[in-house]
Amino acid sequence: MLRACLRARRDLEKEEVGSATWRNGWFGTIALLRGIGHALAKEDAVRSKYLTAAVEQAWVRWKVDLYSSQIFFGFIDDERNALLKEYKFANQRKIYPATTADSFLGPHDVLIAGRVVSPSRALAIAWDWLRVEIKKIEAHADDMRLTDEGLTTRSTGQT
């Protein structure tokens, strides 16, 4: 799913921002980004009890530490909800409460994690964040498995 999202993101970069083709690509790319969270919880997690636990712990961590997970909840999830429920795009609404940065927003800019960026950059930031989080989840699952097996874990180097 990450690869499909990356391809969609790259295809979107070839389109004129704001065009009908671009809007359709934006919609699809946001859906893929949000779908990765669902796939983690519903599909990937069932591969092992360790992955299930690691995914569940990641969701808790994201919900508790909203600052660190603002890319997910403040952009990916919010944008998906706005598209599905209101058919509004990032440049038609504010991703975060009004700030001084709002005065610098252009017609196609996106405010993500307190930064004004292009739509393309917003997608890159979101994709990178998800990729890093998935690696953390997989590493944590491996560490739990190794601990259960009495082996050395990757993160601590201890038995």
C-alpha atoms as a PDB file:
ATOM      1  CA  MET A   1       0.000   0.000   0.000  1.00  0.00           C
ATOM      2  CA  LEU A   2       2.940   2.321   0.687  1.00  0.00           C
ATOM      3  CA  ARG A   3       4.213   1.715  -2.852  1.00  0.00           C
ATOM      4  CA  ALA A   4       0.797   2.486  -4.330  1.00  0.00           C
ATOM      5  CA  CYS A   5       0.695   5.672  -2.297  1.00  0.00           C
ATOM      6  CA  LEU A   6       4.158   6.684  -3.496  1.00  0.00           C
ATOM      7  CA  ARG A   7       3.162   6.070  -7.136  1.00  0.00           C
ATOM      8  CA  ALA A   8      -0.032   8.087  -6.678  1.00  0.00           C
ATOM      9  CA  ARG A   9       1.944  10.902  -5.072  1.00  0.00           C
ATOM     10  CA  ARG A  10       4.431  10.958  -7.937  1.00  0.00           C
ATOM     11  CA  ASP A  11       1.653  10.881 -10.539  1.00  0.00           C
ATOM     12  CA  LEU A  12      -0.046  13.767  -8.770  1.00  0.00           C
ATOM     13  CA  GLU A  13       3.126  15.878  -9.023  1.00  0.00           C
ATOM     14  CA  LYS A  14       2.795  15.788 -12.822  1.00  0.00           C
ATOM     15  CA  GLU A  15      -0.645  17.403 -12.753  1.00  0.00           C
ATOM     16  CA  GLU A  16      -1.533  21.082 -12.559  1.00  0.00           C
ATOM     17  CA  VAL A  17      -2.477  21.863  -8.964  1.00  0.00           C
ATOM     18  CA  GLY A  18      -6.192  22.500  -8.700  1.00  0.00           C
ATOM     19  CA  SER A  19      -7.165  20.834 -11.983  1.00  0.00           C
ATOM     20  CA  ALA A  20      -9.888  18.181 -12.005  1.00  0.00           C
ATOM     21  CA  THR A  21      -7.292  15.469 -12.604  1.00  0.00           C
ATOM     22  CA  TRP A  22      -5.200  16.794  -9.731  1.00  0.00           C
ATOM     23  CA  ARG A  23      -8.216  16.900  -7.374  1.00  0.00           C
ATOM     24  CA  ASN A  24      -9.056  13.284  -8.198  1.00  0.00           C
ATOM     25  CA  GLY A  25      -5.434  12.287  -7.619  1.00  0.00           C
ATOM     26  CA  TRP A  26      -5.343  14.192  -4.330  1.00  0.00           C
ATOM     27  CA  PHE A  27      -8.490  12.424  -3.180  1.00  0.00           C
ATOM     28  CA  GLY A  28      -7.048   9.013  -4.070  1.00  0.00           C
ATOM     29  CA  THR A  29      -3.669   9.704  -2.487  1.00  0.00           C
ATOM     30  CA  ILE A  30      -5.228  10.903   0.769  1.00  0.00           C
ATOM     31  CA  ALA A  31      -7.442   7.795   0.801  1.00  0.00           C
ATOM     32  CA  LEU A  32      -4.356   5.608   0.344  1.00  0.00           C
ATOM     33  CA  LEU A  33      -2.488   7.403   3.125  1.00  0.00           C
ATOM     34  CA  ARG A  34      -5.404   6.912   5.512  1.00  0.00           C
ATOM     35  CA  GLY A  35      -5.928   3.361   4.288  1.00  0.00           C
ATOM     36  CA  ILE A  36      -2.435   2.480   5.464  1.00  0.00           C
ATOM     37  CA  GLY A  37      -3.586   3.037   9.055  1.00  0.00           C
ATOM     38  CA  HIS A  38      -6.567   0.774   8.519  1.00  0.00           C
ATOM     39  CA  ALA A  39      -4.448  -1.892   6.837  1.00  0.00           C
ATOM     40  CA  LEU A  40      -2.005  -1.823   9.741  1.00  0.00           C
ATOM     41  CA  ALA A  41      -4.759  -2.431  12.256  1.00  0.00           C
ATOM     42  CA  LYS A  42      -6.979  -4.800  10.290  1.00  0.00           C
ATOM     43  CA  GLU A  43      -4.674  -6.733   7.961  1.00  0.00           C
ATOM     44  CA  ASP A  44      -1.006  -6.486   8.929  1.00  0.00           C
ATOM     45  CA  ALA A  45      -1.557  -6.848  12.659  1.00  0.00           C
ATOM     46  CA  VAL A  46      -3.117 -10.309  12.273  1.00  0.00           C
ATOM     47  CA  ARG A  47       0.183 -11.749  11.009  1.00  0.00           C
ATOM     48  CA  SER A  48       1.424 -12.231  14.569  1.00  0.00           C
ATOM     49  CA  LYS A  49       0.493 -11.503  18.150  1.00  0.00           C
ATOM     50  CA  TYR A  50       3.593  -9.306  18.388  1.00  0.00           C
ATOM     51  CA  LEU A  51       2.580  -7.182  15.436  1.00  0.00           C
ATOM     52  CA  THR A  52      -0.945  -6.933  16.829  1.00  0.00           C
ATOM     53  CA  ALA A  53       0.433  -5.647  20.140  1.00  0.00           C
ATOM     54  CA  ALA A  54       2.870  -3.260  18.445  1.00  0.00           C
ATOM     55  CA  VAL A  55       0.111  -1.765  16.256  1.00  0.00           C
ATOM     56  CA  GLU A  56      -2.221  -1.380  19.237  1.00  0.00           C
ATOM     57  CA  GLN A  57       0.538   0.315  21.229  1.00  0.00           C
ATOM     58  CA  ALA A  58       1.311   2.642  18.302  1.00  0.00           C
ATOM     59  CA  TRP A  59      -2.350   3.724  18.104  1.00  0.00           C
ATOM     60  CA  VAL A  60      -2.330   4.462  21.830  1.00  0.00           C
ATOM     61  CA  ARG A  61       0.955   6.376  21.505  1.00  0.00           C
ATOM     62  CA  TRP A  62      -0.432   8.414  18.588  1.00  0.00           C
ATOM     63  CA  LYS A  63      -3.622   9.274  20.471  1.00  0.00           C
ATOM     64  CA  VAL A  64      -1.776  10.221  23.664  1.00  0.00           C
ATOM     65  CA  ASP A  65       0.982  12.229  21.988  1.00  0.00           C
ATOM     66  CA  LEU A  66      -1.018  14.324  19.544  1.00  0.00           C
ATOM     67  CA  TYR A  67       1.933  16.619  18.940  1.00  0.00           C
ATOM     68  CA  SER A  68       4.076  13.801  17.541  1.00  0.00           C
ATOM     69  CA  SER A  69       1.177  12.357  15.593  1.00  0.00           C
ATOM     70  CA  GLN A  70      -0.214  15.638  14.248  1.00  0.00           C
ATOM     71  CA  ILE A  71       0.758  14.572  10.725  1.00  0.00           C
ATOM     72  CA  PHE A  72      -1.683  11.691  11.065  1.00  0.00           C
ATOM     73  CA  PHE A  73      -4.573  13.244  12.998  1.00  0.00           C
ATOM     74  CA  GLY A  74      -4.114  16.855  11.885  1.00  0.00           C
ATOM     75  CA  PHE A  75      -3.556  16.145   8.220  1.00  0.00           C
ATOM     76  CA  ILE A  76      -4.111  12.584   6.952  1.00  0.00           C
ATOM     77  CA  ASP A  77      -7.203  11.829   9.032  1.00  0.00           C
ATOM     78  CA  ASP A  78      -8.649  15.357   8.917  1.00  0.00           C
ATOM     79  CA  GLU A  79      -8.106  15.696   5.183  1.00  0.00           C
ATOM     80  CA  ARG A  80      -9.673  12.307   4.482  1.00  0.00           C
ATOM     81  CA  ASN A  81     -12.680  13.219   6.631  1.00  0.00           C
ATOM     82  CA  ALA A  82     -13.084  16.614   4.961  1.00  0.00           C
ATOM     83  CA  LEU A  83     -12.911  15.045   1.511  1.00  0.00           C
ATOM     84  CA  LEU A  84     -15.355  12.256   2.293  1.00  0.00           C
ATOM     85  CA  LYS A  85     -17.809  14.200   4.419  1.00  0.00           C
ATOM     86  CA  GLU A  86     -17.655  17.693   2.929  1.00  0.00           C
ATOM     87  CA  TYR A  87     -15.798  17.264  -0.383  1.00  0.00           C
ATOM     88  CA  LYS A  88     -13.466  20.064   0.692  1.00  0.00           C
ATOM     89  CA  PHE A  89      -9.774  20.135  -0.115  1.00  0.00           C
ATOM     90  CA  ALA A  90      -6.902  21.420   2.029  1.00  0.00           C
ATOM     91  CA  ASN A  91      -6.778  24.755   0.251  1.00  0.00           C
ATOM     92  CA  GLN A  92     -10.503  25.277   0.907  1.00  0.00           C
ATOM     93  CA  ARG A  93     -10.207  25.030   4.688  1.00  0.00           C
ATOM     94  CA  LYS A  94      -7.703  25.302   7.483  1.00  0.00           C
ATOM     95  CA  ILE A  95      -5.996  22.102   8.628  1.00  0.00           C
ATOM     96  CA  TYR A  96      -5.288  23.647  12.038  1.00  0.00           C
ATOM     97  CA  PRO A  97      -6.832  26.502  14.011  1.00  0.00           C
ATOM     98  CA  ALA A  98      -5.989  29.916  12.611  1.00  0.00           C
ATOM     99  CA  THR A  99      -2.417  31.044  13.204  1.00  0.00           C
ATOM    100  CA  THR A 100      -0.226  33.834  11.933  1.00  0.00           C
ATOM    101  CA  ALA A 101       0.894  31.401   9.210  1.00  0.00           C
ATOM    102  CA  ASP A 102      -2.617  31.603   7.716  1.00  0.00           C
ATOM    103  CA  SER A 103      -1.818  35.042   6.328  1.00  0.00           C
ATOM    104  CA  PHE A 104       0.927  33.436   4.230  1.00  0.00           C
ATOM    105  CA  LEU A 105      -1.260  30.714   2.722  1.00  0.00           C
ATOM    106  CA  GLY A 106      -1.527  30.857  -1.035  1.00  0.00           C
ATOM    107  CA  PRO A 107      -4.469  29.449  -2.987  1.00  0.00           C
ATOM    108  CA  HIS A 108      -2.975  25.932  -3.057  1.00  0.00           C
ATOM    109  CA  ASP A 109      -0.869  25.908   0.109  1.00  0.00           C
ATOM    110  CA  VAL A 110      -1.404  23.467   2.939  1.00  0.00           C
ATOM    111  CA  LEU A 111      -0.741  24.136   6.603  1.00  0.00           C
ATOM    112  CA  ILE A 112       0.688  20.913   8.031  1.00  0.00           C
ATOM    113  CA  ALA A 113       2.340  20.564  11.430  1.00  0.00           C
ATOM    114  CA  GLY A 114       2.524  24.339  11.690  1.00  0.00           C
ATOM    115  CA  ARG A 115       4.293  24.788   8.334  1.00  0.00           C
ATOM    116  CA  VAL A 116       2.977  26.234   5.110  1.00  0.00           C
ATOM    117  CA  VAL A 117       3.884  23.821   2.318  1.00  0.00           C
ATOM    118  CA  SER A 118       2.803  22.884  -1.178  1.00  0.00           C
ATOM    119  CA  PRO A 119       0.306  20.040  -1.537  1.00  0.00           C
ATOM    120  CA  SER A 120       3.104  17.898  -2.950  1.00  0.00           C
ATOM    121  CA  ARG A 121       5.300  18.566   0.076  1.00  0.00           C
ATOM    122  CA  ALA A 122       2.396  17.850   2.456  1.00  0.00           C
ATOM    123  CA  LEU A 123       1.963  14.416   0.881  1.00  0.00           C
ATOM    124  CA  ALA A 124       5.707  13.759   1.082  1.00  0.00           C
ATOM    125  CA  ILE A 125       5.751  14.688   4.780  1.00  0.00           C
ATOM    126  CA  ALA A 126       2.776  12.416   5.470  1.00  0.00           C
ATOM    127  CA  TRP A 127       4.263   9.518   3.482  1.00  0.00           C
ATOM    128  CA  ASP A 128       7.618   9.856   5.258  1.00  0.00           C
ATOM    129  CA  TRP A 129       5.929   9.975   8.667  1.00  0.00           C
ATOM    130  CA  LEU A 130       3.941   6.805   7.944  1.00  0.00           C
ATOM    131  CA  ARG A 131       7.005   5.001   6.619  1.00  0.00           C
ATOM    132  CA  VAL A 132       8.988   5.812   9.791  1.00  0.00           C
ATOM    133  CA  GLU A 133       6.072   4.816  12.039  1.00  0.00           C
ATOM    134  CA  ILE A 134       5.672   1.480  10.259  1.00  0.00           C
ATOM    135  CA  LYS A 135       9.378   0.766  10.750  1.00  0.00           C
ATOM    136  CA  LYS A 136       9.003   1.579  14.462  1.00  0.00           C
ATOM    137  CA  ILE A 137       6.017  -0.764  14.723  1.00  0.00           C
ATOM    138  CA  GLU A 138       7.832  -3.597  12.971  1.00  0.00           C
ATOM    139  CA  ALA A 139      10.954  -3.116  15.126  1.00  0.00           C
ATOM    140  CA  HIS A 140       8.865  -3.117  18.302  1.00  0.00           C
ATOM    141  CA  ALA A 141       7.089  -6.311  17.207  1.00  0.00           C
ATOM    142  CA  ASP A 142      10.460  -7.951  16.509  1.00  0.00           C
ATOM    143  CA  ASP A 143      11.757  -6.874  19.922  1.00  0.00           C
ATOM    144  CA  MET A 144       8.719  -8.377  21.672  1.00  0.00           C
ATOM    145  CA  ARG A 145       9.161 -11.649  19.766  1.00  0.00           C
ATOM    146  CA  LEU A 146      12.874 -11.819  20.536  1.00  0.00           C
ATOM    147  CA  THR A 147      12.233 -11.077  24.215  1.00  0.00           C
ATOM    148  CA  ASP A 148       9.670 -13.901  24.345  1.00  0.00           C
ATOM    149  CA  GLU A 149      12.206 -16.220  22.751  1.00  0.00           C
ATOM    150  CA  GLY A 150      14.894 -15.146  25.231  1.00  0.00           C
ATOM    151  CA  LEU A 151      17.050 -13.608  22.510  1.00  0.00           C
ATOM    152  CA  THR A 152      18.739 -10.215  22.232  1.00  0.00           C
ATOM    153  CA  THR A 153      16.450  -7.385  21.132  1.00  0.00           C
ATOM    154  CA  ARG A 154      17.388  -4.928  18.418  1.00  0.00           C
ATOM    155  CA  SER A 155      16.547  -1.807  20.386  1.00  0.00           C
ATOM    156  CA  THR A 156      18.276  -2.605  23.683  1.00  0.00           C
ATOM    157  CA  GLY A 157      20.915  -5.137  22.681  1.00  0.00           C
ATOM    158  CA  GLN A 158      19.966  -7.086  25.805  1.00  0.00           C
ATOM    159  CA  THR A 159      18.565 -10.507  26.413  1.00  0.00           C
END
